[in-house]
Amino acid sequence: MDRRPAGVRRVDLELMRTPPPKERADAARNRVKVLDAAAALFARHGVEAVSMDAVAAEAGVGKGTLFRRFGDKAGLAVALLNERERALQDAILSGPPPLGPGEDGAAVAPSERLHAFADAYLDYALDHLSLVRMSETASPGARYRIGAYGFWHRHLTILLDQRGDAVPDGEAAAHALLAVLGAEHLTAMVESVGRERTRATVHKFFGLARA
C-alpha cells in the first residue's frame, strides 16, 4: 500500500496529466485542420471506412505531412482523444465532487469518487468507442503505453488505497477495474447487452471496492 501523504500522491497524479502539445503556431494550425477534418470524416463515415488519404485531402495538407505528424489512423485517434482526456483529467484533479476532490478532498468518500470516475469514463469511452478502441488496439499492449492509462491507474490506486484494509492491494485492483473499461471489452459488451446493462454491470464491479 502507498503510505505517502495524500498531497504527495496528488502531485504524482498532476505530473501524469496528458500534456498539451508544444508546437509552432503554423504547426498548431495544421494540427487543428487535420483533427477537425478527421473528426468530421469519422463522424460521417465511421472510423474504419476513412483512409489517411481522405483525411489529408479533407484537411488540405500533404499526405507526407499527415503521416509524419500522426503516423497512422491510430495516431490520429490518440490525438483526437487527447483533448477529451485532458478535460476528464482536469475534472478529476480540480473539479467539483464527487468526480473531483472539491475544496476538501477528505470530504468525499473514495467509493463515491470511484463510481463518479466510472460514470465519467463511460461517458467518454462510449461516446468515442471506435476511436478509443483503435487507439488501444493498434499494436499489442498499445493501451498500456498510452499516457492516459497511467493517469487513470494512479487515480484509482489512490482511491482504493484510501479504503484501507477493504482493498489490500490497490495497485493491482486498479488494473483489474481498468480491464473492465478496456475499449475492446466495452465494444463486445455493448454489442451483446447494450449500453445501459454495460454501464450497470461496470458499476457493480466498481462497487466491490466499497468498504
Protein backbone atom coordinates (compact mmCIF):
# COMPACT_ATOMS: atom_id res chain seq x y z
CA MET A 1 0.00 0.00 0.00
CA ASP A 2 1.19 3.54 -0.78
CA ARG A 3 1.74 5.25 2.60
CA ARG A 4 2.86 8.62 1.22
CA PRO A 5 0.83 11.69 2.27
CA ALA A 6 -2.19 12.48 0.11
CA GLY A 7 -0.62 15.72 -1.09
CA VAL A 8 2.39 13.86 -2.47
CA ARG A 9 0.17 11.33 -4.24
CA ARG A 10 -1.83 14.19 -5.75
CA VAL A 11 1.34 15.80 -7.12
CA ASP A 12 2.21 12.45 -8.71
CA LEU A 13 -1.18 12.45 -10.41
CA GLU A 14 -0.84 16.04 -11.62
CA LEU A 15 2.54 15.21 -13.19
CA MET A 16 0.92 12.34 -15.11
CA ARG A 17 -1.73 14.56 -16.70
CA THR A 18 -1.73 14.36 -20.51
CA PRO A 19 0.32 17.42 -21.57
CA PRO A 20 -0.89 19.75 -24.31
CA PRO A 21 1.26 19.63 -27.46
CA LYS A 22 4.15 22.08 -27.75
CA GLU A 23 4.45 23.33 -31.31
CA ARG A 24 4.92 26.33 -33.56
CA ALA A 25 1.89 28.39 -34.47
CA ASP A 26 1.79 27.11 -38.07
CA ALA A 27 2.10 23.50 -36.89
CA ALA A 28 -0.71 24.09 -34.40
CA ARG A 29 -2.95 25.44 -37.17
CA ASN A 30 -2.23 22.41 -39.34
CA ARG A 31 -2.91 20.07 -36.43
CA VAL A 32 -6.29 21.69 -35.82
CA LYS A 33 -7.17 21.45 -39.52
CA VAL A 34 -6.24 17.78 -39.63
CA LEU A 35 -8.06 16.86 -36.42
CA ASP A 36 -11.18 18.79 -37.45
CA ALA A 37 -11.15 17.04 -40.82
CA ALA A 38 -10.61 13.62 -39.25
CA ALA A 39 -13.38 14.15 -36.68
CA ALA A 40 -15.82 15.20 -39.42
CA LEU A 41 -14.96 12.26 -41.68
CA PHE A 42 -15.05 9.74 -38.85
CA ALA A 43 -18.46 11.03 -37.74
CA ARG A 44 -19.78 10.94 -41.32
CA HIS A 45 -18.42 7.59 -42.49
CA GLY A 46 -17.15 5.70 -39.46
CA VAL A 47 -13.55 5.29 -38.40
CA GLU A 48 -12.88 2.08 -40.33
CA ALA A 49 -14.10 3.48 -43.65
CA VAL A 50 -11.88 6.60 -43.65
CA SER A 51 -8.36 6.47 -45.12
CA MET A 52 -5.43 8.68 -44.26
CA ASP A 53 -5.52 9.91 -47.87
CA ALA A 54 -9.10 11.08 -47.35
CA VAL A 55 -8.14 12.93 -44.16
CA ALA A 56 -5.23 14.67 -45.92
CA ALA A 57 -7.48 15.74 -48.80
CA GLU A 58 -10.20 17.00 -46.46
CA ALA A 59 -7.70 18.96 -44.39
CA GLY A 60 -5.86 20.33 -47.43
CA VAL A 61 -2.45 19.09 -46.30
CA GLY A 62 0.05 16.81 -47.97
CA LYS A 63 -0.02 13.10 -47.20
CA GLY A 64 3.61 13.24 -46.14
CA THR A 65 2.81 15.93 -43.58
CA LEU A 66 -0.06 13.86 -42.21
CA PHE A 67 1.96 10.65 -41.89
CA ARG A 68 4.98 12.42 -40.38
CA ARG A 69 2.81 14.10 -37.76
CA PHE A 70 0.45 11.28 -36.80
CA GLY A 71 1.95 8.08 -38.21
CA ASP A 72 -1.32 6.27 -38.91
CA LYS A 73 -5.02 6.31 -38.04
CA ALA A 74 -4.27 5.07 -34.54
CA GLY A 75 -2.05 8.13 -34.07
CA LEU A 76 -4.89 10.32 -35.28
CA ALA A 77 -7.24 8.61 -32.83
CA VAL A 78 -4.87 9.26 -29.93
CA ALA A 79 -4.53 12.93 -30.91
CA LEU A 80 -8.30 13.36 -31.19
CA LEU A 81 -8.82 11.79 -27.78
CA ASN A 82 -6.07 13.76 -26.00
CA GLU A 83 -8.17 16.90 -25.57
CA ARG A 84 -11.09 14.92 -24.18
CA GLU A 85 -8.77 13.02 -21.85
CA ARG A 86 -7.24 16.26 -20.56
CA ALA A 87 -10.72 17.62 -19.79
CA LEU A 88 -11.56 14.49 -17.79
CA GLN A 89 -8.20 14.60 -16.01
CA ASP A 90 -8.72 18.26 -15.08
CA ALA A 91 -12.15 17.41 -13.65
CA ILE A 92 -10.59 14.62 -11.56
CA LEU A 93 -7.81 16.86 -10.28
CA SER A 94 -9.71 20.05 -9.51
CA GLY A 95 -13.37 19.72 -10.49
CA PRO A 96 -16.41 19.60 -8.22
CA PRO A 97 -17.16 16.44 -6.25
CA PRO A 98 -17.76 13.60 -6.47
CA LEU A 99 -15.61 13.26 -9.62
CA GLY A 100 -13.18 15.89 -8.37
CA PRO A 101 -11.99 16.47 -4.81
CA GLY A 102 -13.78 19.78 -4.34
CA GLU A 103 -12.31 22.15 -1.78
CA ASP A 104 -11.67 19.38 0.71
CA GLY A 105 -10.80 16.02 -0.84
CA ALA A 106 -11.27 14.26 2.50
CA ALA A 107 -14.96 15.22 2.50
CA VAL A 108 -15.71 12.98 -0.49
CA ALA A 109 -15.87 9.25 0.17
CA PRO A 110 -13.47 7.28 -2.06
CA SER A 111 -16.32 4.94 -3.05
CA GLU A 112 -18.30 7.94 -4.36
CA ARG A 113 -15.32 9.12 -6.38
CA LEU A 114 -14.79 5.62 -7.78
CA HIS A 115 -18.35 5.49 -9.08
CA ALA A 116 -18.13 9.06 -10.38
CA PHE A 117 -14.99 8.08 -12.30
CA ALA A 118 -16.74 5.02 -13.75
CA ASP A 119 -19.63 7.22 -14.92
CA ALA A 120 -17.41 9.92 -16.42
CA TYR A 121 -15.10 7.43 -18.11
CA LEU A 122 -18.04 5.52 -19.59
CA ASP A 123 -19.49 8.79 -20.94
CA TYR A 124 -16.15 9.50 -22.61
CA ALA A 125 -15.44 5.97 -23.86
CA LEU A 126 -18.91 5.05 -25.10
CA ASP A 127 -19.28 8.34 -26.98
CA HIS A 128 -15.97 7.74 -28.80
CA LEU A 129 -15.78 3.96 -28.67
CA SER A 130 -14.42 3.37 -32.18
CA LEU A 131 -11.61 5.88 -31.64
CA VAL A 132 -10.74 4.59 -28.18
CA ARG A 133 -10.73 1.03 -29.48
CA MET A 134 -8.42 1.95 -32.35
CA SER A 135 -6.01 3.80 -30.06
CA GLU A 136 -5.89 0.87 -27.62
CA THR A 137 -5.54 -1.98 -30.12
CA ALA A 138 -3.21 -0.51 -32.75
CA SER A 139 -0.47 -2.89 -31.58
CA PRO A 140 -0.07 -5.41 -28.76
CA GLY A 141 -0.06 -3.59 -25.44
CA ALA A 142 -0.89 -0.22 -27.01
CA ARG A 143 -3.45 0.60 -24.33
CA TYR A 144 -0.87 0.40 -21.57
CA ARG A 145 1.63 2.63 -23.38
CA ILE A 146 -0.89 5.47 -23.74
CA GLY A 147 -0.04 8.11 -21.16
CA ALA A 148 -3.63 8.44 -20.01
CA TYR A 149 -3.70 4.82 -18.81
CA GLY A 150 -1.05 5.65 -16.23
CA PHE A 151 -3.16 8.58 -15.03
CA TRP A 152 -6.34 6.52 -14.69
CA HIS A 153 -4.42 3.76 -12.91
CA ARG A 154 -2.77 6.16 -10.46
CA HIS A 155 -6.09 7.86 -9.68
CA LEU A 156 -7.83 4.56 -8.94
CA THR A 157 -4.87 3.29 -6.90
CA ILE A 158 -5.03 6.39 -4.67
CA LEU A 159 -8.78 5.98 -4.12
CA LEU A 160 -8.53 2.25 -3.47
CA ASP A 161 -5.67 2.74 -1.01
CA GLN A 162 -7.89 5.18 0.87
CA ARG A 163 -10.26 2.27 1.52
CA GLY A 164 -7.65 0.80 3.84
CA ASP A 165 -7.99 -2.91 4.55
CA ALA A 166 -11.12 -3.14 2.37
CA VAL A 167 -8.78 -3.28 -0.66
CA PRO A 168 -5.44 -4.73 0.47
CA ASP A 169 -3.66 -4.19 -2.87
CA GLY A 170 -4.95 -1.03 -4.51
CA GLU A 171 -2.34 -1.02 -7.26
CA ALA A 172 -3.33 -4.47 -8.53
CA ALA A 173 -7.05 -3.82 -8.02
CA ALA A 174 -6.81 -0.63 -10.12
CA HIS A 175 -5.52 -2.67 -13.06
CA ALA A 176 -8.41 -5.12 -12.61
CA LEU A 177 -11.01 -2.33 -12.62
CA LEU A 178 -9.47 -0.69 -15.68
CA ALA A 179 -9.59 -4.03 -17.51
CA VAL A 180 -13.38 -3.79 -17.32
CA LEU A 181 -13.13 -0.40 -19.07
CA GLY A 182 -11.00 -1.59 -21.99
CA ALA A 183 -12.49 -0.48 -25.30
CA GLU A 184 -12.38 -3.96 -26.81
CA HIS A 185 -14.25 -5.31 -23.81
CA LEU A 186 -16.77 -2.45 -23.79
CA THR A 187 -17.41 -2.93 -27.51
CA ALA A 188 -18.22 -6.61 -27.00
CA MET A 189 -20.48 -5.83 -24.06
CA VAL A 190 -22.38 -3.05 -25.83
CA GLU A 191 -22.92 -5.22 -28.90
CA SER A 192 -24.15 -8.08 -26.71
CA VAL A 193 -26.21 -6.45 -23.96
CA GLY A 194 -26.49 -2.74 -24.82
CA ARG A 195 -25.20 0.41 -23.18
CA GLU A 196 -27.43 0.53 -20.10
CA ARG A 197 -26.66 -3.03 -18.99
CA THR A 198 -22.99 -2.43 -19.71
CA ARG A 199 -22.98 0.68 -17.55
CA ALA A 200 -24.87 -1.02 -14.71
CA THR A 201 -22.50 -4.01 -14.70
CA VAL A 202 -19.40 -1.82 -14.67
CA HIS A 203 -20.79 -0.07 -11.60
CA LYS A 204 -21.26 -3.42 -9.88
CA PHE A 205 -17.56 -4.14 -10.36
CA PHE A 206 -16.62 -0.72 -9.04
CA GLY A 207 -18.97 -1.31 -6.11
CA LEU A 208 -16.79 -4.21 -4.98
CA ALA A 209 -14.28 -1.59 -3.86
CA ARG A 210 -16.65 -0.22 -1.22
CA ALA A 211 -15.79 -0.71 2.40
